[in-house]
Amino acid sequence: MNGHFALLNRLRDGSVMADFIREEIRKQEAGVRGEDRLVARLKELRLQGEFRVFSDVCLVLDDWKVQIDCLVVTDRCCIVLESKNISGHLYFNEELDEFYKEENGVESPISNPYFQLMRHVRFMKEFLRKTHPLMKVTGAVIMTAKSHRIMQKPTHYPIYKLESMIERVTQIYNSSEGTSFSGKDIELVEKLLLEKRSDYEHPPLCEHYRIPPNEIRLGVECPGCSELGMRRTGKTWICPHCKKRDRNAHKKAVDDYFLLINNKITNRDFRKFCMVESIYVASRMLGNMDLHMHKAGGKTYYTKK
């Protein structure tokens, strides 16, 4: 989400993308609120056997990366829960595999959350295949918005409202009788989840949204007034607007560069983005940051650790 705020702040005045990015931020904030409500409600969960709850699970298997909202690992099964905070009147068309919402008389198609759930269920089956091949993996989509109404409910899709989640998860657990796993098994799954955790890496936002780099405003952002264009004087940055001084203001600019432009930065890139003239000053500042330095074909570039 920080990347979207950085993008919004750096879009040139009058950019046609500004309203779109504001809407993306609104959706992300709503999603986080929905996930928080889901996790808070799961504190009420009581099952006969031992279980663990994991939220915001980012995992990787080779080139397959997923970000799962919530996992409930029990002594009978593993339950994947996907949170969707979508308001309005919701319709699921099973025949056409479509999902859309209607609000103020306007229909808006939305990616069907059922298929995201199924991808994550398949992932967890593969994730547990070597250590717990007999552990059943199932799941459900939980609609967390306070102001929504499911007008056309799917017959076969496991999609439920937040208020019924505890009962539905309990039903899933009770219907998974037959195979039982010990507390040590659950601890092993927890250990695997921690070992395979991976930060979910999104592509730079300009690439993701196909925004030309020349649409992005350059310069170092003032930590005081948030204006771009701090000037380097000696070993510090000075804001021409509010006169605030800061020795490390360029570090946020480099973070913005990674989020928006590219996942690696050269001395030349740094000088252009931060509006620094001296190649030597730029080299010193990059060298003093907590970055990985790479040399390839006579060229040097830096990446985040």
Protein backbone atom coordinates (compact mmCIF):
# COMPACT_ATOMS: atom_id res chain seq x y z
CA MET A 1 0.00 0.00 0.00
CA ASN A 2 2.93 2.35 0.71
CA GLY A 3 3.88 2.05 -2.94
CA HIS A 4 0.48 3.32 -4.07
CA PHE A 5 0.75 6.36 -1.80
CA ALA A 6 4.23 7.03 -3.20
CA LEU A 7 2.88 6.68 -6.74
CA LEU A 8 0.00 9.06 -6.06
CA ASN A 9 2.38 11.62 -4.56
CA ARG A 10 4.74 11.44 -7.54
CA LEU A 11 2.23 11.46 -10.40
CA ARG A 12 2.47 14.66 -12.39
CA ASP A 13 -0.34 17.19 -11.91
CA GLY A 14 -3.34 16.41 -14.06
CA SER A 15 -2.40 12.75 -14.55
CA VAL A 16 -5.37 10.68 -15.74
CA MET A 17 -4.17 7.88 -13.43
CA ALA A 18 -4.63 9.82 -10.18
CA ASP A 19 -8.30 8.94 -9.58
CA PHE A 20 -7.65 5.32 -10.53
CA ILE A 21 -4.78 5.01 -8.02
CA ARG A 22 -6.94 6.62 -5.30
CA GLU A 23 -9.55 3.92 -5.96
CA GLU A 24 -6.86 1.23 -5.77
CA ILE A 25 -5.77 2.60 -2.39
CA ARG A 26 -9.38 2.59 -1.20
CA LYS A 27 -9.78 -1.07 -2.24
CA GLN A 28 -6.55 -2.08 -0.52
CA GLU A 29 -7.51 -0.31 2.70
CA ALA A 30 -10.92 -2.01 2.59
CA GLY A 31 -9.22 -5.37 2.06
CA VAL A 32 -6.99 -4.88 5.09
CA ARG A 33 -10.00 -3.92 7.23
CA GLY A 34 -11.81 -7.03 6.06
CA GLU A 35 -8.87 -9.30 6.86
CA ASP A 36 -8.60 -7.72 10.32
CA ARG A 37 -12.30 -8.42 10.95
CA LEU A 38 -11.87 -12.03 9.82
CA VAL A 39 -8.87 -12.65 12.10
CA ALA A 40 -10.61 -10.95 15.04
CA ARG A 41 -13.70 -13.15 14.59
CA LEU A 42 -11.54 -16.30 14.49
CA LYS A 43 -10.60 -15.64 18.13
CA GLU A 44 -14.05 -17.06 18.90
CA LEU A 45 -13.19 -20.37 17.20
CA ARG A 46 -13.29 -23.42 19.48
CA LEU A 47 -12.65 -26.91 18.07
CA GLN A 48 -12.42 -30.32 19.72
CA GLY A 49 -8.76 -30.75 18.77
CA GLU A 50 -5.66 -28.61 18.53
CA PHE A 51 -5.40 -25.93 15.84
CA ARG A 52 -3.37 -22.88 14.79
CA VAL A 53 -4.44 -19.72 12.93
CA PHE A 54 -2.03 -17.98 10.52
CA SER A 55 -2.87 -14.69 8.80
CA ASP A 56 -1.37 -12.97 5.74
CA VAL A 57 0.62 -16.05 4.69
CA CYS A 58 3.09 -15.45 1.84
CA LEU A 59 4.61 -18.70 0.58
CA VAL A 60 6.77 -19.83 -2.32
CA LEU A 61 7.34 -23.20 -4.00
CA ASP A 62 9.89 -22.86 -6.78
CA ASP A 63 8.36 -20.16 -9.04
CA TRP A 64 4.87 -20.49 -7.54
CA LYS A 65 4.14 -17.68 -5.08
CA VAL A 66 0.91 -17.10 -3.19
CA GLN A 67 -0.47 -14.69 -0.62
CA ILE A 68 -3.16 -16.38 1.49
CA ASP A 69 -5.34 -14.26 3.76
CA CYS A 70 -5.76 -16.87 6.49
CA LEU A 71 -4.94 -20.51 7.23
CA VAL A 72 -6.51 -22.61 9.99
CA VAL A 73 -4.34 -25.70 10.49
CA THR A 74 -6.14 -28.31 12.62
CA ASP A 75 -5.56 -31.89 13.75
CA ARG A 76 -7.96 -33.01 10.99
CA CYS A 77 -7.48 -30.66 8.04
CA CYS A 78 -6.04 -27.42 6.69
CA ILE A 79 -8.64 -24.72 5.97
CA VAL A 80 -7.87 -21.85 3.59
CA LEU A 81 -9.93 -18.71 4.20
CA GLU A 82 -10.02 -15.90 1.63
CA SER A 83 -11.36 -12.53 2.80
CA LYS A 84 -13.30 -10.32 0.38
CA ASN A 85 -14.48 -6.91 1.57
CA ILE A 86 -16.89 -6.00 -1.25
CA SER A 87 -19.98 -3.89 -0.64
CA GLY A 88 -23.18 -3.65 -2.67
CA HIS A 89 -25.51 -6.30 -4.12
CA LEU A 90 -23.42 -9.35 -5.11
CA TYR A 91 -24.28 -11.87 -7.82
CA PHE A 92 -22.62 -15.20 -8.63
CA ASN A 93 -23.43 -16.77 -11.98
CA GLU A 94 -22.28 -20.39 -11.75
CA GLU A 95 -23.16 -21.20 -15.35
CA LEU A 96 -20.89 -18.46 -16.71
CA ASP A 97 -18.39 -18.55 -13.79
CA GLU A 98 -18.98 -14.82 -13.34
CA PHE A 99 -19.11 -12.62 -10.26
CA TYR A 100 -20.29 -9.03 -10.26
CA LYS A 101 -21.77 -6.42 -7.98
CA GLU A 102 -24.57 -3.94 -8.50
CA GLU A 103 -24.42 -0.57 -6.78
CA ASN A 104 -26.60 2.43 -7.57
CA GLY A 105 -27.92 0.62 -10.63
CA VAL A 106 -24.42 0.01 -12.08
CA GLU A 107 -23.11 -3.52 -12.62
CA SER A 108 -19.37 -4.00 -12.11
CA PRO A 109 -17.64 -7.31 -13.01
CA ILE A 110 -15.18 -8.55 -10.40
CA SER A 111 -12.65 -11.38 -10.46
CA ASN A 112 -14.40 -14.47 -9.11
CA PRO A 113 -12.95 -15.13 -5.61
CA TYR A 114 -13.81 -18.83 -5.85
CA PHE A 115 -11.03 -19.42 -8.38
CA GLN A 116 -8.49 -17.61 -6.23
CA LEU A 117 -9.54 -19.86 -3.35
CA MET A 118 -9.11 -22.98 -5.49
CA ARG A 119 -5.62 -21.88 -6.59
CA HIS A 120 -4.61 -21.49 -2.96
CA VAL A 121 -6.15 -24.85 -2.00
CA ARG A 122 -4.14 -26.50 -4.81
CA PHE A 123 -1.01 -24.74 -3.60
CA MET A 124 -1.46 -25.95 -0.01
CA LYS A 125 -2.05 -29.52 -1.20
CA GLU A 126 1.26 -29.39 -3.06
CA PHE A 127 2.90 -27.62 -0.12
CA LEU A 128 1.93 -30.44 2.25
CA ARG A 129 2.32 -33.32 -0.23
CA LYS A 130 5.74 -34.53 1.01
CA THR A 131 5.21 -34.15 4.76
CA HIS A 132 1.44 -34.54 5.23
CA PRO A 133 0.00 -36.14 2.06
CA LEU A 134 -3.08 -37.37 3.95
CA MET A 135 -4.03 -33.96 5.34
CA LYS A 136 -7.22 -32.73 3.73
CA VAL A 137 -7.04 -29.18 2.35
CA THR A 138 -10.27 -27.29 1.89
CA GLY A 139 -11.47 -23.72 2.30
CA ALA A 140 -14.04 -20.98 1.88
CA VAL A 141 -14.44 -17.40 0.75
CA ILE A 142 -15.60 -15.12 3.57
CA MET A 143 -17.43 -11.92 2.61
CA THR A 144 -16.39 -9.39 5.26
CA ALA A 145 -18.00 -6.11 4.12
CA LYS A 146 -20.48 -4.62 6.57
CA SER A 147 -22.74 -3.34 3.80
CA HIS A 148 -23.22 -6.13 1.30
CA ARG A 149 -26.00 -8.50 0.29
CA ILE A 150 -25.57 -11.72 -1.65
CA MET A 151 -28.46 -11.58 -4.11
CA GLN A 152 -27.55 -14.66 -6.15
CA LYS A 153 -25.74 -17.22 -4.01
CA PRO A 154 -23.78 -20.01 -5.69
CA THR A 155 -24.93 -23.55 -5.01
CA HIS A 156 -21.53 -25.22 -5.09
CA TYR A 157 -19.14 -22.38 -4.20
CA PRO A 158 -18.19 -22.29 -0.48
CA ILE A 159 -18.88 -18.57 -0.01
CA TYR A 160 -20.17 -17.36 3.35
CA LYS A 161 -20.79 -14.20 5.34
CA LEU A 162 -18.50 -13.24 8.19
CA GLU A 163 -21.19 -13.75 10.83
CA SER A 164 -21.58 -17.43 9.85
CA MET A 165 -17.83 -18.14 9.52
CA ILE A 166 -17.29 -19.77 12.92
CA GLU A 167 -20.16 -22.19 12.35
CA ARG A 168 -19.00 -22.95 8.79
CA VAL A 169 -15.38 -23.57 9.85
CA THR A 170 -16.63 -25.81 12.65
CA GLN A 171 -18.75 -27.75 10.13
CA ILE A 172 -15.74 -28.18 7.84
CA TYR A 173 -13.71 -29.45 10.78
CA ASN A 174 -16.41 -31.86 11.97
CA SER A 175 -16.89 -33.27 8.46
CA SER A 176 -13.16 -34.09 8.22
CA GLU A 177 -13.22 -36.97 10.69
CA GLY A 178 -11.18 -40.03 9.79
CA THR A 179 -7.59 -38.84 9.77
CA SER A 180 -6.08 -37.38 12.91
CA PHE A 181 -2.81 -35.49 13.27
CA SER A 182 -0.85 -34.97 16.47
CA GLY A 183 0.30 -31.74 18.04
CA LYS A 184 3.78 -32.50 16.67
CA ASP A 185 2.30 -32.70 13.14
CA ILE A 186 0.75 -29.27 13.56
CA GLU A 187 4.07 -27.93 14.89
CA LEU A 188 5.81 -29.36 11.80
CA VAL A 189 3.34 -27.59 9.51
CA GLU A 190 3.95 -24.38 11.45
CA LYS A 191 7.70 -24.83 11.03
CA LEU A 192 7.27 -25.38 7.28
CA LEU A 193 5.15 -22.24 6.97
CA LEU A 194 7.87 -20.21 8.69
CA GLU A 195 10.66 -21.74 6.60
CA LYS A 196 8.91 -21.18 3.27
CA ARG A 197 7.65 -17.69 4.06
CA SER A 198 8.54 -15.16 1.41
CA ASP A 199 7.82 -11.48 0.96
CA TYR A 200 5.28 -11.23 -1.83
CA GLU A 201 7.10 -9.29 -4.51
CA HIS A 202 4.95 -7.18 -6.78
CA PRO A 203 6.36 -5.75 -10.00
CA PRO A 204 7.22 -2.03 -9.91
CA LEU A 205 3.96 -0.11 -10.04
CA CYS A 206 4.80 1.82 -13.22
CA GLU A 207 5.28 -1.53 -14.94
CA HIS A 208 2.15 -2.99 -13.34
CA TYR A 209 -0.07 -0.07 -14.38
CA ARG A 210 1.85 0.68 -17.58
CA ILE A 211 2.66 4.21 -16.51
CA PRO A 212 5.51 5.80 -18.51
CA PRO A 213 8.40 6.80 -16.19
CA ASN A 214 8.18 10.38 -17.53
CA GLU A 215 4.80 10.62 -15.76
CA ILE A 216 6.64 10.36 -12.43
CA ARG A 217 7.91 13.50 -10.69
CA LEU A 218 11.57 13.37 -9.69
CA GLY A 219 13.29 14.61 -6.57
CA VAL A 220 13.73 13.87 -2.87
CA GLU A 221 10.63 14.22 -0.71
CA CYS A 222 10.79 16.47 2.35
CA PRO A 223 9.93 14.52 5.53
CA GLY A 224 8.46 17.72 6.96
CA CYS A 225 6.11 19.14 4.33
CA SER A 226 6.11 16.21 1.82
CA GLU A 227 7.09 18.47 -1.09
CA LEU A 228 9.50 17.09 -3.69
CA GLY A 229 12.72 18.85 -4.59
CA MET A 230 15.03 18.90 -1.56
CA ARG A 231 18.51 20.19 -2.41
CA ARG A 232 21.77 18.57 -1.40
CA THR A 233 24.06 20.99 0.45
CA GLY A 234 27.22 19.52 1.89
CA LYS A 235 26.19 16.33 3.67
CA THR A 236 22.54 17.18 4.22
CA TRP A 237 19.30 17.84 2.35
CA ILE A 238 17.48 21.16 2.67
CA CYS A 239 13.86 21.73 1.71
CA PRO A 240 13.40 24.97 -0.28
CA HIS A 241 9.77 25.16 0.90
CA CYS A 242 9.91 24.68 4.69
CA LYS A 243 13.72 24.83 5.21
CA LYS A 244 13.78 21.47 7.01
CA ARG A 245 17.14 19.68 7.03
CA ASP A 246 17.61 15.92 6.85
CA ARG A 247 20.78 13.90 6.18
CA ASN A 248 18.98 10.74 5.04
CA ALA A 249 16.01 12.02 3.05
CA HIS A 250 17.32 10.28 -0.08
CA LYS A 251 16.65 6.85 1.47
CA LYS A 252 12.90 7.20 1.02
CA ALA A 253 13.45 8.37 -2.55
CA VAL A 254 15.39 5.17 -3.27
CA ASP A 255 12.56 3.14 -1.69
CA ASP A 256 10.13 4.99 -3.99
CA TYR A 257 12.34 4.15 -6.97
CA PHE A 258 12.25 0.43 -6.14
CA LEU A 259 8.48 0.50 -5.63
CA LEU A 260 7.69 2.50 -8.76
CA ILE A 261 10.42 2.19 -11.39
CA ASN A 262 12.73 -0.80 -11.07
CA ASN A 263 13.98 -3.34 -8.54
CA LYS A 264 17.57 -2.31 -9.20
CA ILE A 265 19.19 1.11 -9.32
CA THR A 266 22.45 2.37 -10.82
CA ASN A 267 24.45 5.45 -9.93
CA ARG A 268 23.03 7.16 -12.99
CA ASP A 269 19.46 6.21 -12.05
CA PHE A 270 20.02 7.53 -8.53
CA ARG A 271 21.39 10.86 -9.76
CA LYS A 272 18.47 11.35 -12.13
CA PHE A 273 15.76 10.35 -9.65
CA CYS A 274 17.19 12.26 -6.68
CA MET A 275 18.46 15.15 -8.81
CA VAL A 276 22.08 14.77 -7.66
CA GLU A 277 24.83 16.04 -9.98
CA SER A 278 28.00 14.46 -8.61
CA ILE A 279 28.70 10.84 -9.52
CA TYR A 280 31.01 10.60 -6.49
CA VAL A 281 28.44 11.94 -4.04
CA ALA A 282 25.87 9.53 -5.45
CA SER A 283 28.30 6.62 -5.15
CA ARG A 284 29.01 7.46 -1.52
CA MET A 285 25.33 7.75 -0.61
CA LEU A 286 24.44 4.44 -2.32
CA GLY A 287 27.40 2.74 -0.65
CA ASN A 288 26.27 3.92 2.78
CA MET A 289 22.76 2.53 2.35
CA ASP A 290 21.74 -0.96 3.41
CA LEU A 291 21.69 -2.32 -0.16
CA HIS A 292 23.19 -5.24 -2.03
CA MET A 293 25.87 -4.12 -4.51
CA HIS A 294 26.22 -6.12 -7.73
CA LYS A 295 28.86 -5.93 -10.47
CA ALA A 296 28.03 -7.28 -13.91
CA GLY A 297 29.89 -6.62 -17.15
CA GLY A 298 31.73 -3.64 -15.75
CA LYS A 299 28.52 -2.07 -14.49
CA THR A 300 27.47 -1.64 -10.86
CA TYR A 301 23.91 -1.65 -9.62
CA TYR A 302 22.16 -1.98 -6.26
CA THR A 303 19.15 -3.93 -5.02
CA LYS A 304 17.22 -4.10 -1.75
CA LYS A 305 18.33 -6.66 0.81
